[in-house]
Amino acid sequence: MEQITFHSATSDDQTAMAAMRKIVEPNKGRLRSAVARGPYDEIMNRVPAPEGVTYEEDTVAGVPGWWCTPADEQQAEVSASL
């Protein structure tokens, strides 16, 4: 069974979301596929990294990426139905 936890957006979250929407609005729906990566990276580089998160670069199944692990990570049980 999947466990999902929802958290309400704080006023800081709402302020950040409003600012991001303003930045992306001129290009909304116009950039697709790989051409969208540059503008996406520019936006994400403006977002401060949260405190209490460690980052580890790795390659999984030939795909490079980053593992982002919060300090208060909770282990969840995963089950599969066949």
PDB file of N, CA and C in Angstrom:
ATOM      1  N   MET A   1       0.844  -1.180   0.000  1.00  0.00           N
ATOM      2  CA  MET A   1       0.000   0.000   0.000  1.00  0.00           C
ATOM      3  C   MET A   1       0.883   1.234   0.000  1.00  0.00           C
ATOM      4  N   GLU A   2       0.566   2.180  -0.823  1.00  0.00           N
ATOM      5  CA  GLU A   2       1.345   3.404  -0.961  1.00  0.00           C
ATOM      6  C   GLU A   2       0.971   4.394   0.132  1.00  0.00           C
ATOM      7  N   GLN A   3       1.990   5.006   0.736  1.00  0.00           N
ATOM      8  CA  GLN A   3       1.759   6.013   1.764  1.00  0.00           C
ATOM      9  C   GLN A   3       2.057   7.377   1.180  1.00  0.00           C
ATOM     10  N   ILE A   4       1.099   8.261   1.255  1.00  0.00           N
ATOM     11  CA  ILE A   4       1.270   9.619   0.752  1.00  0.00           C
ATOM     12  C   ILE A   4       1.001  10.589   1.889  1.00  0.00           C
ATOM     13  N   THR A   5       1.889  11.541   2.046  1.00  0.00           N
ATOM     14  CA  THR A   5       1.718  12.564   3.070  1.00  0.00           C
ATOM     15  C   THR A   5       1.597  13.916   2.389  1.00  0.00           C
ATOM     16  N   PHE A   6       0.565  14.641   2.705  1.00  0.00           N
ATOM     17  CA  PHE A   6       0.362  15.975   2.153  1.00  0.00           C
ATOM     18  C   PHE A   6       0.675  17.016   3.215  1.00  0.00           C
ATOM     19  N   HIS A   7       1.338  18.076   2.797  1.00  0.00           N
ATOM     20  CA  HIS A   7       1.657  19.187   3.694  1.00  0.00           C
ATOM     21  C   HIS A   7       1.098  20.458   3.070  1.00  0.00           C
ATOM     22  N   SER A   8       0.511  21.299   3.882  1.00  0.00           N
ATOM     23  CA  SER A   8      -0.005  22.572   3.386  1.00  0.00           C
ATOM     24  C   SER A   8       1.150  23.477   2.978  1.00  0.00           C
ATOM     25  N   ALA A   9       0.921  24.271   1.947  1.00  0.00           N
ATOM     26  CA  ALA A   9       1.933  25.235   1.505  1.00  0.00           C
ATOM     27  C   ALA A   9       2.010  26.372   2.518  1.00  0.00           C
ATOM     28  N   THR A  10       3.224  26.744   2.879  1.00  0.00           N
ATOM     29  CA  THR A  10       3.424  27.863   3.790  1.00  0.00           C
ATOM     30  C   THR A  10       3.276  29.172   3.008  1.00  0.00           C
ATOM     31  N   SER A  11       3.253  30.281   3.705  1.00  0.00           N
ATOM     32  CA  SER A  11       3.170  31.575   3.016  1.00  0.00           C
ATOM     33  C   SER A  11       4.426  31.803   2.175  1.00  0.00           C
ATOM     34  N   ASP A  12       5.587  31.332   2.642  1.00  0.00           N
ATOM     35  CA  ASP A  12       6.821  31.435   1.841  1.00  0.00           C
ATOM     36  C   ASP A  12       6.701  30.598   0.570  1.00  0.00           C
ATOM     37  N   ASP A  13       6.113  29.391   0.686  1.00  0.00           N
ATOM     38  CA  ASP A  13       5.894  28.541  -0.491  1.00  0.00           C
ATOM     39  C   ASP A  13       4.999  29.258  -1.502  1.00  0.00           C
ATOM     40  N   GLN A  14       3.927  29.853  -1.020  1.00  0.00           N
ATOM     41  CA  GLN A  14       2.978  30.534  -1.898  1.00  0.00           C
ATOM     42  C   GLN A  14       3.621  31.728  -2.594  1.00  0.00           C
ATOM     43  N   THR A  15       4.467  32.455  -1.867  1.00  0.00           N
ATOM     44  CA  THR A  15       5.180  33.588  -2.461  1.00  0.00           C
ATOM     45  C   THR A  15       6.120  33.108  -3.561  1.00  0.00           C
ATOM     46  N   ALA A  16       6.852  32.029  -3.281  1.00  0.00           N
ATOM     47  CA  ALA A  16       7.781  31.477  -4.271  1.00  0.00           C
ATOM     48  C   ALA A  16       7.035  30.955  -5.501  1.00  0.00           C
ATOM     49  N   MET A  17       5.909  30.278  -5.292  1.00  0.00           N
ATOM     50  CA  MET A  17       5.129  29.759  -6.422  1.00  0.00           C
ATOM     51  C   MET A  17       4.596  30.896  -7.292  1.00  0.00           C
ATOM     52  N   ALA A  18       4.131  31.964  -6.670  1.00  0.00           N
ATOM     53  CA  ALA A  18       3.620  33.106  -7.432  1.00  0.00           C
ATOM     54  C   ALA A  18       4.731  33.741  -8.265  1.00  0.00           C
ATOM     55  N   ALA A  19       5.920  33.864  -7.674  1.00  0.00           N
ATOM     56  CA  ALA A  19       7.055  34.439  -8.412  1.00  0.00           C
ATOM     57  C   ALA A  19       7.450  33.545  -9.575  1.00  0.00           C
ATOM     58  N   MET A  20       7.466  32.233  -9.362  1.00  0.00           N
ATOM     59  CA  MET A  20       7.832  31.313 -10.429  1.00  0.00           C
ATOM     60  C   MET A  20       6.801  31.351 -11.567  1.00  0.00           C
ATOM     61  N   ARG A  21       5.526  31.401 -11.213  1.00  0.00           N
ATOM     62  CA  ARG A  21       4.486  31.469 -12.251  1.00  0.00           C
ATOM     63  C   ARG A  21       4.664  32.726 -13.117  1.00  0.00           C
ATOM     64  N   LYS A  22       5.028  33.831 -12.482  1.00  0.00           N
ATOM     65  CA  LYS A  22       5.244  35.071 -13.217  1.00  0.00           C
ATOM     66  C   LYS A  22       6.415  34.932 -14.187  1.00  0.00           C
ATOM     67  N   ILE A  23       7.469  34.253 -13.754  1.00  0.00           N
ATOM     68  CA  ILE A  23       8.651  34.067 -14.601  1.00  0.00           C
ATOM     69  C   ILE A  23       8.348  33.177 -15.802  1.00  0.00           C
ATOM     70  N   VAL A  24       7.610  32.097 -15.591  1.00  0.00           N
ATOM     71  CA  VAL A  24       7.395  31.120 -16.671  1.00  0.00           C
ATOM     72  C   VAL A  24       6.220  31.460 -17.583  1.00  0.00           C
ATOM     73  N   GLU A  25       5.350  32.336 -17.168  1.00  0.00           N
ATOM     74  CA  GLU A  25       4.137  32.642 -17.939  1.00  0.00           C
ATOM     75  C   GLU A  25       4.389  32.977 -19.413  1.00  0.00           C
ATOM     76  N   PRO A  26       5.388  33.802 -19.756  1.00  0.00           N
ATOM     77  CA  PRO A  26       5.574  34.134 -21.174  1.00  0.00           C
ATOM     78  C   PRO A  26       5.867  32.928 -22.068  1.00  0.00           C
ATOM     79  N   ASN A  27       6.411  31.859 -21.510  1.00  0.00           N
ATOM     80  CA  ASN A  27       6.758  30.685 -22.313  1.00  0.00           C
ATOM     81  C   ASN A  27       5.877  29.477 -22.045  1.00  0.00           C
ATOM     82  N   LYS A  28       4.849  29.640 -21.258  1.00  0.00           N
ATOM     83  CA  LYS A  28       3.995  28.509 -20.894  1.00  0.00           C
ATOM     84  C   LYS A  28       3.439  27.835 -22.148  1.00  0.00           C
ATOM     85  N   GLY A  29       3.730  26.547 -22.264  1.00  0.00           N
ATOM     86  CA  GLY A  29       3.231  25.756 -23.388  1.00  0.00           C
ATOM     87  C   GLY A  29       3.994  25.926 -24.689  1.00  0.00           C
ATOM     88  N   ARG A  30       4.990  26.781 -24.729  1.00  0.00           N
ATOM     89  CA  ARG A  30       5.715  27.049 -25.970  1.00  0.00           C
ATOM     90  C   ARG A  30       6.981  26.219 -26.125  1.00  0.00           C
ATOM     91  N   LEU A  31       7.598  25.855 -25.015  1.00  0.00           N
ATOM     92  CA  LEU A  31       8.847  25.106 -25.078  1.00  0.00           C
ATOM     93  C   LEU A  31       8.575  23.627 -24.808  1.00  0.00           C
ATOM     94  N   ARG A  32       9.047  22.784 -25.710  1.00  0.00           N
ATOM     95  CA  ARG A  32       8.831  21.345 -25.561  1.00  0.00           C
ATOM     96  C   ARG A  32      10.126  20.597 -25.829  1.00  0.00           C
ATOM     97  N   SER A  33      10.215  19.421 -25.344  1.00  0.00           N
ATOM     98  CA  SER A  33      11.339  18.503 -25.510  1.00  0.00           C
ATOM     99  C   SER A  33      12.638  19.113 -24.979  1.00  0.00           C
ATOM    100  N   ALA A  34      13.748  18.802 -25.601  1.00  0.00           N
ATOM    101  CA  ALA A  34      15.066  19.199 -25.092  1.00  0.00           C
ATOM    102  C   ALA A  34      15.277  20.713 -25.070  1.00  0.00           C
ATOM    103  N   VAL A  35      14.576  21.468 -25.908  1.00  0.00           N
ATOM    104  CA  VAL A  35      14.768  22.930 -25.916  1.00  0.00           C
ATOM    105  C   VAL A  35      14.268  23.580 -24.630  1.00  0.00           C
ATOM    106  N   ALA A  36      13.432  22.874 -23.893  1.00  0.00           N
ATOM    107  CA  ALA A  36      12.910  23.415 -22.638  1.00  0.00           C
ATOM    108  C   ALA A  36      13.922  23.272 -21.499  1.00  0.00           C
ATOM    109  N   ARG A  37      14.953  22.464 -21.680  1.00  0.00           N
ATOM    110  CA  ARG A  37      15.882  22.177 -20.587  1.00  0.00           C
ATOM    111  C   ARG A  37      16.647  23.420 -20.119  1.00  0.00           C
ATOM    112  N   GLY A  38      17.132  24.224 -21.043  1.00  0.00           N
ATOM    113  CA  GLY A  38      17.887  25.416 -20.671  1.00  0.00           C
ATOM    114  C   GLY A  38      17.081  26.376 -19.803  1.00  0.00           C
ATOM    115  N   PRO A  39      15.894  26.785 -20.256  1.00  0.00           N
ATOM    116  CA  PRO A  39      15.073  27.671 -19.411  1.00  0.00           C
ATOM    117  C   PRO A  39      14.681  27.022 -18.081  1.00  0.00           C
ATOM    118  N   TYR A  40      14.415  25.728 -18.103  1.00  0.00           N
ATOM    119  CA  TYR A  40      14.076  25.025 -16.858  1.00  0.00           C
ATOM    120  C   TYR A  40      15.247  25.100 -15.881  1.00  0.00           C
ATOM    121  N   ASP A  41      16.442  24.821 -16.369  1.00  0.00           N
ATOM    122  CA  ASP A  41      17.626  24.877 -15.505  1.00  0.00           C
ATOM    123  C   ASP A  41      17.833  26.282 -14.943  1.00  0.00           C
ATOM    124  N   GLU A  42      17.594  27.311 -15.762  1.00  0.00           N
ATOM    125  CA  GLU A  42      17.739  28.690 -15.283  1.00  0.00           C
ATOM    126  C   GLU A  42      16.788  28.971 -14.127  1.00  0.00           C
ATOM    127  N   ILE A  43      15.561  28.505 -14.251  1.00  0.00           N
ATOM    128  CA  ILE A  43      14.578  28.712 -13.187  1.00  0.00           C
ATOM    129  C   ILE A  43      14.991  27.954 -11.931  1.00  0.00           C
ATOM    130  N   MET A  44      15.354  26.692 -12.100  1.00  0.00           N
ATOM    131  CA  MET A  44      15.683  25.867 -10.943  1.00  0.00           C
ATOM    132  C   MET A  44      16.960  26.336 -10.239  1.00  0.00           C
ATOM    133  N   ASN A  45      17.872  26.959 -10.980  1.00  0.00           N
ATOM    134  CA  ASN A  45      19.089  27.491 -10.353  1.00  0.00           C
ATOM    135  C   ASN A  45      18.799  28.678  -9.454  1.00  0.00           C
ATOM    136  N   ARG A  46      17.620  29.263  -9.556  1.00  0.00           N
ATOM    137  CA  ARG A  46      17.221  30.379  -8.694  1.00  0.00           C
ATOM    138  C   ARG A  46      16.558  29.903  -7.408  1.00  0.00           C
ATOM    139  N   VAL A  47      16.240  28.620  -7.348  1.00  0.00           N
ATOM    140  CA  VAL A  47      15.565  28.061  -6.181  1.00  0.00           C
ATOM    141  C   VAL A  47      16.616  27.629  -5.168  1.00  0.00           C
ATOM    142  N   PRO A  48      16.572  28.183  -3.961  1.00  0.00           N
ATOM    143  CA  PRO A  48      17.575  27.794  -2.969  1.00  0.00           C
ATOM    144  C   PRO A  48      17.381  26.338  -2.533  1.00  0.00           C
ATOM    145  N   ALA A  49      18.477  25.653  -2.301  1.00  0.00           N
ATOM    146  CA  ALA A  49      18.413  24.274  -1.821  1.00  0.00           C
ATOM    147  C   ALA A  49      17.866  24.277  -0.399  1.00  0.00           C
ATOM    148  N   PRO A  50      16.977  23.360  -0.088  1.00  0.00           N
ATOM    149  CA  PRO A  50      16.436  23.312   1.276  1.00  0.00           C
ATOM    150  C   PRO A  50      17.493  22.842   2.268  1.00  0.00           C
ATOM    151  N   GLU A  51      17.343  23.272   3.501  1.00  0.00           N
ATOM    152  CA  GLU A  51      18.258  22.830   4.556  1.00  0.00           C
ATOM    153  C   GLU A  51      17.927  21.383   4.914  1.00  0.00           C
ATOM    154  N   GLY A  52      18.948  20.653   5.358  1.00  0.00           N
ATOM    155  CA  GLY A  52      18.721  19.303   5.834  1.00  0.00           C
ATOM    156  C   GLY A  52      18.576  18.269   4.737  1.00  0.00           C
ATOM    157  N   VAL A  53      19.061  18.570   3.539  1.00  0.00           N
ATOM    158  CA  VAL A  53      18.999  17.619   2.433  1.00  0.00           C
ATOM    159  C   VAL A  53      20.413  17.363   1.944  1.00  0.00           C
ATOM    160  N   THR A  54      20.755  16.092   1.757  1.00  0.00           N
ATOM    161  CA  THR A  54      22.057  15.756   1.182  1.00  0.00           C
ATOM    162  C   THR A  54      21.853  15.336  -0.269  1.00  0.00           C
ATOM    163  N   TYR A  55      22.860  15.593  -1.088  1.00  0.00           N
ATOM    164  CA  TYR A  55      22.778  15.321  -2.520  1.00  0.00           C
ATOM    165  C   TYR A  55      23.922  14.396  -2.913  1.00  0.00           C
ATOM    166  N   GLU A  56      23.594  13.386  -3.701  1.00  0.00           N
ATOM    167  CA  GLU A  56      24.606  12.435  -4.146  1.00  0.00           C
ATOM    168  C   GLU A  56      24.401  12.159  -5.632  1.00  0.00           C
ATOM    169  N   GLU A  57      25.429  12.441  -6.399  1.00  0.00           N
ATOM    170  CA  GLU A  57      25.369  12.177  -7.833  1.00  0.00           C
ATOM    171  C   GLU A  57      25.587  10.683  -8.072  1.00  0.00           C
ATOM    172  N   ASP A  58      24.820  10.104  -8.988  1.00  0.00           N
ATOM    173  CA  ASP A  58      24.945   8.684  -9.275  1.00  0.00           C
ATOM    174  C   ASP A  58      24.398   8.407 -10.676  1.00  0.00           C
ATOM    175  N   THR A  59      24.678   7.234 -11.165  1.00  0.00           N
ATOM    176  CA  THR A  59      24.129   6.779 -12.442  1.00  0.00           C
ATOM    177  C   THR A  59      23.396   5.477 -12.184  1.00  0.00           C
ATOM    178  N   VAL A  60      22.138   5.423 -12.573  1.00  0.00           N
ATOM    179  CA  VAL A  60      21.314   4.239 -12.379  1.00  0.00           C
ATOM    180  C   VAL A  60      20.824   3.780 -13.742  1.00  0.00           C
ATOM    181  N   ALA A  61      21.111   2.534 -14.079  1.00  0.00           N
ATOM    182  CA  ALA A  61      20.714   1.959 -15.367  1.00  0.00           C
ATOM    183  C   ALA A  61      21.189   2.836 -16.529  1.00  0.00           C
ATOM    184  N   GLY A  62      22.382   3.415 -16.379  1.00  0.00           N
ATOM    185  CA  GLY A  62      22.968   4.217 -17.440  1.00  0.00           C
ATOM    186  C   GLY A  62      22.473   5.656 -17.510  1.00  0.00           C
ATOM    187  N   VAL A  63      21.607   6.039 -16.574  1.00  0.00           N
ATOM    188  CA  VAL A  63      21.049   7.394 -16.581  1.00  0.00           C
ATOM    189  C   VAL A  63      21.649   8.176 -15.414  1.00  0.00           C
ATOM    190  N   PRO A  64      22.402   9.260 -15.713  1.00  0.00           N
ATOM    191  CA  PRO A  64      22.984  10.050 -14.630  1.00  0.00           C
ATOM    192  C   PRO A  64      21.920  10.902 -13.943  1.00  0.00           C
ATOM    193  N   GLY A  65      22.111  11.111 -12.652  1.00  0.00           N
ATOM    194  CA  GLY A  65      21.165  11.941 -11.919  1.00  0.00           C
ATOM    195  C   GLY A  65      21.650  12.196 -10.512  1.00  0.00           C
ATOM    196  N   TRP A  66      20.782  12.739  -9.694  1.00  0.00           N
ATOM    197  CA  TRP A  66      21.102  13.088  -8.317  1.00  0.00           C
ATOM    198  C   TRP A  66      20.080  12.466  -7.382  1.00  0.00           C
ATOM    199  N   TRP A  67      20.565  11.913  -6.264  1.00  0.00           N
ATOM    200  CA  TRP A  67      19.712  11.443  -5.192  1.00  0.00           C
ATOM    201  C   TRP A  67      19.647  12.576  -4.175  1.00  0.00           C
ATOM    202  N   CYS A  68      18.455  12.977  -3.818  1.00  0.00           N
ATOM    203  CA  CYS A  68      18.239  14.055  -2.847  1.00  0.00           C
ATOM    204  C   CYS A  68      17.569  13.424  -1.626  1.00  0.00           C
ATOM    205  N   THR A  69      18.279  13.391  -0.515  1.00  0.00           N
ATOM    206  CA  THR A  69      17.787  12.682   0.665  1.00  0.00           C
ATOM    207  C   THR A  69      17.636  13.646   1.835  1.00  0.00           C
ATOM    208  N   PRO A  70      16.396  13.792   2.352  1.00  0.00           N
ATOM    209  CA  PRO A  70      16.205  14.653   3.520  1.00  0.00           C
ATOM    210  C   PRO A  70      16.791  14.004   4.765  1.00  0.00           C
ATOM    211  N   ALA A  71      17.286  14.818   5.685  1.00  0.00           N
ATOM    212  CA  ALA A  71      17.894  14.319   6.918  1.00  0.00           C
ATOM    213  C   ALA A  71      16.893  13.523   7.739  1.00  0.00           C
ATOM    214  N   ASP A  72      15.622  13.894   7.662  1.00  0.00           N
ATOM    215  CA  ASP A  72      14.603  13.197   8.454  1.00  0.00           C
ATOM    216  C   ASP A  72      13.864  12.148   7.623  1.00  0.00           C
ATOM    217  N   GLU A  73      14.588  11.554   6.672  1.00  0.00           N
ATOM    218  CA  GLU A  73      14.012  10.545   5.776  1.00  0.00           C
ATOM    219  C   GLU A  73      13.341   9.435   6.573  1.00  0.00           C
ATOM    220  N   GLN A  74      12.152   9.073   6.135  1.00  0.00           N
ATOM    221  CA  GLN A  74      11.432   7.972   6.758  1.00  0.00           C
ATOM    222  C   GLN A  74      11.462   6.788   5.799  1.00  0.00           C
ATOM    223  N   GLN A  75      11.790   5.640   6.307  1.00  0.00           N
ATOM    224  CA  GLN A  75      11.802   4.438   5.478  1.00  0.00           C
ATOM    225  C   GLN A  75      10.361   3.972   5.299  1.00  0.00           C
ATOM    226  N   ALA A  76       9.968   3.716   4.072  1.00  0.00           N
ATOM    227  CA  ALA A  76       8.615   3.253   3.791  1.00  0.00           C
ATOM    228  C   ALA A  76       8.679   1.817   3.285  1.00  0.00           C
ATOM    229  N   GLU A  77       7.689   1.059   3.653  1.00  0.00           N
ATOM    230  CA  GLU A  77       7.595  -0.314   3.179  1.00  0.00           C
ATOM    231  C   GLU A  77       6.985  -0.289   1.784  1.00  0.00           C
ATOM    232  N   VAL A  78       7.571  -1.042   0.901  1.00  0.00           N
ATOM    233  CA  VAL A  78       7.074  -1.093  -0.466  1.00  0.00           C
ATOM    234  C   VAL A  78       6.623  -2.516  -0.737  1.00  0.00           C
ATOM    235  N   SER A  79       5.440  -2.651  -1.308  1.00  0.00           N
ATOM    236  CA  SER A  79       4.948  -3.982  -1.668  1.00  0.00           C
ATOM    237  C   SER A  79       4.443  -3.934  -3.097  1.00  0.00           C
ATOM    238  N   ALA A  80       4.496  -5.071  -3.746  1.00  0.00           N
ATOM    239  CA  ALA A  80       4.044  -5.152  -5.129  1.00  0.00           C
ATOM    240  C   ALA A  80       3.005  -6.263  -5.248  1.00  0.00           C
ATOM    241  N   SER A  81       2.038  -6.014  -6.089  1.00  0.00           N
ATOM    242  CA  SER A  81       1.028  -7.035  -6.367  1.00  0.00           C
ATOM    243  C   SER A  81       1.283  -7.587  -7.751  1.00  0.00           C
ATOM    244  N   LEU A  82       1.252  -8.886  -7.879  1.00  0.00           N
ATOM    245  CA  LEU A  82       1.468  -9.506  -9.187  1.00  0.00           C
ATOM    246  C   LEU A  82       0.188 -10.080  -9.697  1.00  0.00           C
TER     247      LEU A  82
END
